[in-house]
Amino acid sequence: NNSFDVNRSRSRNCGNGDREGFLEKRSRRGIWQRRFFRTERRVLSYWGTVKGNDNLVQEGDPSMVFDLEMASACEALDGGKKFVFAITFPDHTLQLRAEDEESCLA
């Protein structure tokens, strides 16, 4: 299931505009990988998998932390069934995908 959120449909609002749930990150090989995320103000943190284990990590230090000011506008795909935004770095672009526009963080 490629669902975006902990409840399998939408991200969960944690108050003060902060959110948590699941989204998909596109790997450098083009594969979409499900990741747990949390936003606090305009900072996006997400957690990957434990090496050798496909279970998603939702505790401890995040795998990556980003400033959402770097994110592009949300773009609808698949007739509005998926929404993608990107964070661009000097050496690569990170693409993130959500299942509803409301959950698109950019």
N, C-alpha and C. Protein backbone atom coordinates (compact mmCIF):
# COMPACT_ATOMS: atom_id res chain seq x y z
N ASN A 1 0.85 -1.18 0.00
CA ASN A 1 0.00 0.00 0.00
C ASN A 1 0.88 1.24 0.00
N ASN A 2 0.65 2.15 -0.92
CA ASN A 2 1.45 3.35 -1.03
C ASN A 2 0.80 4.53 -0.33
N SER A 3 -0.01 4.26 0.66
CA SER A 3 -0.74 5.31 1.36
C SER A 3 0.21 6.32 1.99
N PHE A 4 -0.25 7.54 2.07
CA PHE A 4 0.55 8.65 2.56
C PHE A 4 0.55 8.73 4.06
N ASP A 5 -0.45 8.22 4.72
CA ASP A 5 -0.62 8.56 6.12
C ASP A 5 -0.76 7.37 7.04
N VAL A 6 -0.56 7.62 8.31
CA VAL A 6 -0.62 6.56 9.30
C VAL A 6 -1.97 5.88 9.33
N ASN A 7 -3.01 6.55 8.93
CA ASN A 7 -4.35 5.96 8.90
C ASN A 7 -4.70 5.44 7.51
N ARG A 8 -3.71 5.32 6.64
CA ARG A 8 -3.85 4.76 5.29
C ARG A 8 -4.59 5.67 4.32
N SER A 9 -4.85 6.93 4.66
CA SER A 9 -5.51 7.79 3.69
C SER A 9 -4.97 9.21 3.68
N ARG A 10 -4.78 9.83 4.82
CA ARG A 10 -4.31 11.22 4.86
C ARG A 10 -3.31 11.39 6.01
N SER A 11 -2.55 12.46 5.92
CA SER A 11 -1.63 12.75 7.01
C SER A 11 -2.42 13.22 8.23
N ARG A 12 -1.82 13.12 9.36
CA ARG A 12 -2.49 13.49 10.61
C ARG A 12 -1.99 14.86 11.07
N ASN A 13 -2.92 15.76 11.36
CA ASN A 13 -2.56 17.08 11.85
C ASN A 13 -2.22 16.97 13.32
N CYS A 14 -1.07 17.51 13.71
CA CYS A 14 -0.61 17.39 15.10
C CYS A 14 -0.76 18.70 15.86
N GLY A 15 -1.50 19.66 15.32
CA GLY A 15 -1.64 20.95 15.97
C GLY A 15 -0.59 21.92 15.48
N ASN A 16 -0.88 23.21 15.52
CA ASN A 16 0.04 24.25 15.06
C ASN A 16 0.47 24.06 13.62
N GLY A 17 -0.33 23.36 12.82
CA GLY A 17 0.03 23.14 11.42
C GLY A 17 1.03 22.02 11.22
N ASP A 18 1.51 21.41 12.30
CA ASP A 18 2.45 20.30 12.19
C ASP A 18 1.69 19.05 11.75
N ARG A 19 2.38 18.18 11.00
CA ARG A 19 1.74 16.97 10.46
C ARG A 19 2.70 15.79 10.61
N GLU A 20 2.12 14.60 10.55
CA GLU A 20 2.92 13.39 10.46
C GLU A 20 2.14 12.35 9.69
N GLY A 21 2.84 11.41 9.11
CA GLY A 21 2.20 10.36 8.33
C GLY A 21 3.21 9.70 7.41
N PHE A 22 2.75 9.21 6.27
CA PHE A 22 3.63 8.57 5.30
C PHE A 22 3.56 9.31 3.98
N LEU A 23 4.67 9.35 3.28
CA LEU A 23 4.72 9.81 1.91
C LEU A 23 5.73 8.93 1.20
N GLU A 24 5.89 9.15 -0.09
CA GLU A 24 6.82 8.36 -0.87
C GLU A 24 7.96 9.24 -1.35
N LYS A 25 9.17 8.70 -1.26
CA LYS A 25 10.38 9.37 -1.73
C LYS A 25 10.89 8.61 -2.94
N ARG A 26 11.23 9.34 -3.99
CA ARG A 26 11.76 8.69 -5.19
C ARG A 26 13.26 8.48 -5.03
N SER A 27 13.70 7.24 -5.16
CA SER A 27 15.13 6.94 -5.02
C SER A 27 15.88 7.42 -6.25
N ARG A 28 17.18 7.45 -6.16
CA ARG A 28 18.01 7.85 -7.31
C ARG A 28 17.85 6.88 -8.47
N ARG A 29 17.37 5.66 -8.19
CA ARG A 29 17.11 4.68 -9.25
C ARG A 29 15.69 4.76 -9.79
N GLY A 30 14.90 5.72 -9.29
CA GLY A 30 13.55 5.93 -9.81
C GLY A 30 12.46 5.14 -9.12
N ILE A 31 12.78 4.46 -8.04
CA ILE A 31 11.81 3.64 -7.32
C ILE A 31 11.18 4.49 -6.20
N TRP A 32 9.84 4.43 -6.08
CA TRP A 32 9.16 5.16 -5.00
C TRP A 32 9.23 4.33 -3.73
N GLN A 33 9.73 4.93 -2.63
CA GLN A 33 9.90 4.25 -1.36
C GLN A 33 9.08 4.97 -0.29
N ARG A 34 8.30 4.21 0.45
CA ARG A 34 7.44 4.78 1.49
C ARG A 34 8.29 5.20 2.69
N ARG A 35 8.03 6.41 3.20
CA ARG A 35 8.77 6.94 4.34
C ARG A 35 7.81 7.59 5.34
N PHE A 36 8.11 7.44 6.61
CA PHE A 36 7.37 8.14 7.66
C PHE A 36 7.93 9.55 7.76
N PHE A 37 7.06 10.56 7.89
CA PHE A 37 7.54 11.93 7.98
C PHE A 37 6.86 12.65 9.14
N ARG A 38 7.47 13.74 9.52
CA ARG A 38 6.88 14.65 10.50
C ARG A 38 7.31 16.06 10.11
N THR A 39 6.38 17.02 10.17
CA THR A 39 6.75 18.42 9.96
C THR A 39 6.58 19.17 11.26
N GLU A 40 7.48 20.08 11.51
CA GLU A 40 7.39 21.01 12.62
C GLU A 40 7.69 22.37 12.05
N ARG A 41 6.69 23.22 12.05
CA ARG A 41 6.73 24.52 11.39
C ARG A 41 7.03 24.29 9.92
N ARG A 42 8.15 24.74 9.41
CA ARG A 42 8.47 24.56 7.99
C ARG A 42 9.64 23.59 7.81
N VAL A 43 9.82 22.67 8.76
CA VAL A 43 10.90 21.69 8.68
C VAL A 43 10.29 20.30 8.49
N LEU A 44 10.75 19.59 7.46
CA LEU A 44 10.30 18.23 7.17
C LEU A 44 11.38 17.26 7.61
N SER A 45 11.03 16.31 8.47
CA SER A 45 11.94 15.23 8.86
C SER A 45 11.33 13.94 8.36
N TYR A 46 12.18 13.04 7.83
CA TYR A 46 11.63 11.73 7.49
C TYR A 46 12.59 10.63 7.88
N TRP A 47 12.01 9.46 8.10
CA TRP A 47 12.74 8.30 8.59
C TRP A 47 12.72 7.23 7.51
N GLY A 48 13.83 6.53 7.35
CA GLY A 48 13.94 5.46 6.37
C GLY A 48 13.72 4.11 7.02
N THR A 49 14.32 3.10 6.44
CA THR A 49 14.22 1.75 6.98
C THR A 49 15.51 1.39 7.68
N VAL A 50 15.44 0.41 8.56
CA VAL A 50 16.62 -0.11 9.21
C VAL A 50 17.30 -1.04 8.21
N LYS A 51 18.61 -0.92 8.06
CA LYS A 51 19.33 -1.75 7.10
C LYS A 51 19.05 -3.23 7.38
N GLY A 52 18.66 -3.96 6.33
CA GLY A 52 18.36 -5.37 6.47
C GLY A 52 16.95 -5.65 6.98
N ASN A 53 16.15 -4.60 7.15
CA ASN A 53 14.80 -4.76 7.68
C ASN A 53 13.89 -3.78 6.95
N ASP A 54 12.80 -4.26 6.39
CA ASP A 54 11.90 -3.40 5.62
C ASP A 54 10.93 -2.61 6.49
N ASN A 55 10.96 -2.82 7.81
CA ASN A 55 10.06 -2.08 8.68
C ASN A 55 10.46 -0.61 8.73
N LEU A 56 9.47 0.27 8.62
CA LEU A 56 9.75 1.70 8.66
C LEU A 56 10.05 2.14 10.08
N VAL A 57 11.06 2.97 10.21
CA VAL A 57 11.45 3.52 11.50
C VAL A 57 10.62 4.77 11.75
N GLN A 58 10.08 4.92 12.94
CA GLN A 58 9.29 6.10 13.27
C GLN A 58 9.78 6.75 14.55
N GLU A 59 10.91 6.32 15.05
CA GLU A 59 11.45 6.86 16.29
C GLU A 59 12.93 7.13 16.11
N GLY A 60 13.53 7.78 17.08
CA GLY A 60 14.95 8.07 17.01
C GLY A 60 15.23 9.23 16.07
N ASP A 61 16.49 9.36 15.70
CA ASP A 61 16.89 10.45 14.82
C ASP A 61 16.38 10.22 13.41
N PRO A 62 15.88 11.26 12.74
CA PRO A 62 15.40 11.10 11.36
C PRO A 62 16.54 10.83 10.39
N SER A 63 16.20 10.18 9.26
CA SER A 63 17.18 9.92 8.21
C SER A 63 17.59 11.22 7.53
N MET A 64 16.63 12.11 7.32
CA MET A 64 16.90 13.38 6.65
C MET A 64 16.01 14.47 7.22
N VAL A 65 16.50 15.70 7.18
CA VAL A 65 15.76 16.86 7.64
C VAL A 65 15.89 17.95 6.59
N PHE A 66 14.77 18.57 6.19
CA PHE A 66 14.78 19.58 5.13
C PHE A 66 13.99 20.81 5.55
N ASP A 67 14.40 21.94 5.02
CA ASP A 67 13.66 23.19 5.15
C ASP A 67 12.65 23.23 4.01
N LEU A 68 11.37 23.29 4.32
CA LEU A 68 10.34 23.27 3.28
C LEU A 68 10.32 24.54 2.43
N GLU A 69 11.05 25.57 2.83
CA GLU A 69 11.17 26.75 1.99
C GLU A 69 11.87 26.39 0.67
N MET A 70 12.61 25.29 0.66
CA MET A 70 13.32 24.84 -0.54
C MET A 70 12.41 24.05 -1.48
N ALA A 71 11.21 23.73 -1.06
CA ALA A 71 10.33 22.85 -1.83
C ALA A 71 9.63 23.58 -2.97
N SER A 72 9.43 22.85 -4.06
CA SER A 72 8.69 23.39 -5.21
C SER A 72 7.19 23.33 -4.94
N ALA A 73 6.43 23.94 -5.83
CA ALA A 73 4.97 23.85 -5.74
C ALA A 73 4.53 22.41 -6.00
N CYS A 74 3.39 22.06 -5.47
CA CYS A 74 2.83 20.72 -5.63
C CYS A 74 2.26 20.56 -7.04
N GLU A 75 2.58 19.44 -7.69
CA GLU A 75 2.10 19.17 -9.06
C GLU A 75 1.24 17.91 -9.04
N ALA A 76 0.04 18.00 -9.64
CA ALA A 76 -0.87 16.85 -9.70
C ALA A 76 -0.44 15.89 -10.80
N LEU A 77 -0.51 14.59 -10.51
CA LEU A 77 -0.20 13.53 -11.47
C LEU A 77 -1.35 12.54 -11.50
N ASP A 78 -1.36 11.69 -12.51
CA ASP A 78 -2.36 10.61 -12.61
C ASP A 78 -3.78 11.13 -12.44
N GLY A 79 -4.11 12.23 -13.11
CA GLY A 79 -5.47 12.77 -13.03
C GLY A 79 -5.85 13.23 -11.64
N GLY A 80 -4.89 13.69 -10.87
CA GLY A 80 -5.17 14.18 -9.51
C GLY A 80 -5.15 13.10 -8.45
N LYS A 81 -4.67 11.89 -8.79
CA LYS A 81 -4.61 10.80 -7.82
C LYS A 81 -3.34 10.85 -6.96
N LYS A 82 -2.31 11.50 -7.47
CA LYS A 82 -1.04 11.65 -6.76
C LYS A 82 -0.59 13.10 -6.89
N PHE A 83 0.18 13.57 -5.92
CA PHE A 83 0.70 14.93 -5.92
C PHE A 83 2.18 14.87 -5.57
N VAL A 84 3.00 15.55 -6.37
CA VAL A 84 4.45 15.49 -6.22
C VAL A 84 5.00 16.88 -5.96
N PHE A 85 5.98 16.96 -5.07
CA PHE A 85 6.76 18.19 -4.93
C PHE A 85 8.22 17.80 -4.82
N ALA A 86 9.11 18.76 -5.01
CA ALA A 86 10.54 18.45 -5.06
C ALA A 86 11.32 19.43 -4.19
N ILE A 87 12.46 18.95 -3.69
CA ILE A 87 13.42 19.78 -2.99
C ILE A 87 14.72 19.64 -3.77
N THR A 88 15.25 20.75 -4.27
CA THR A 88 16.42 20.72 -5.15
C THR A 88 17.68 21.09 -4.38
N PHE A 89 18.69 20.26 -4.55
CA PHE A 89 20.02 20.47 -3.97
C PHE A 89 21.00 20.67 -5.11
N PRO A 90 22.22 21.16 -4.83
CA PRO A 90 23.19 21.36 -5.91
C PRO A 90 23.49 20.10 -6.72
N ASP A 91 23.47 18.93 -6.07
CA ASP A 91 23.87 17.70 -6.76
C ASP A 91 22.71 16.77 -7.13
N HIS A 92 21.50 17.03 -6.65
CA HIS A 92 20.36 16.18 -7.01
C HIS A 92 19.04 16.84 -6.60
N THR A 93 17.95 16.26 -7.07
CA THR A 93 16.61 16.72 -6.71
C THR A 93 15.89 15.58 -6.00
N LEU A 94 15.34 15.87 -4.85
CA LEU A 94 14.57 14.89 -4.09
C LEU A 94 13.10 15.09 -4.43
N GLN A 95 12.44 14.03 -4.93
CA GLN A 95 11.01 14.09 -5.24
C GLN A 95 10.24 13.36 -4.16
N LEU A 96 9.15 13.98 -3.69
CA LEU A 96 8.28 13.40 -2.68
C LEU A 96 6.86 13.38 -3.22
N ARG A 97 6.13 12.31 -2.90
CA ARG A 97 4.79 12.11 -3.47
C ARG A 97 3.77 11.85 -2.36
N ALA A 98 2.60 12.48 -2.49
CA ALA A 98 1.49 12.31 -1.56
C ALA A 98 0.27 11.83 -2.32
N GLU A 99 -0.73 11.30 -1.60
CA GLU A 99 -1.93 10.80 -2.25
C GLU A 99 -3.08 11.80 -2.26
N ASP A 100 -2.91 12.96 -1.65
CA ASP A 100 -3.94 13.99 -1.75
C ASP A 100 -3.29 15.36 -1.66
N GLU A 101 -3.90 16.34 -2.30
CA GLU A 101 -3.31 17.67 -2.39
C GLU A 101 -3.17 18.32 -1.02
N GLU A 102 -4.12 18.08 -0.15
CA GLU A 102 -4.07 18.64 1.19
C GLU A 102 -2.82 18.18 1.93
N SER A 103 -2.37 16.98 1.65
CA SER A 103 -1.20 16.43 2.31
C SER A 103 0.10 16.83 1.65
N CYS A 104 0.02 17.41 0.46
CA CYS A 104 1.22 17.88 -0.21
C CYS A 104 1.78 19.03 0.61
N LEU A 105 2.97 18.89 1.08
CA LEU A 105 3.51 19.80 2.09
C LEU A 105 4.05 21.10 1.54
N ALA A 106 4.31 21.15 0.26
CA ALA A 106 4.99 22.33 -0.30
C ALA A 106 4.07 23.52 -0.39
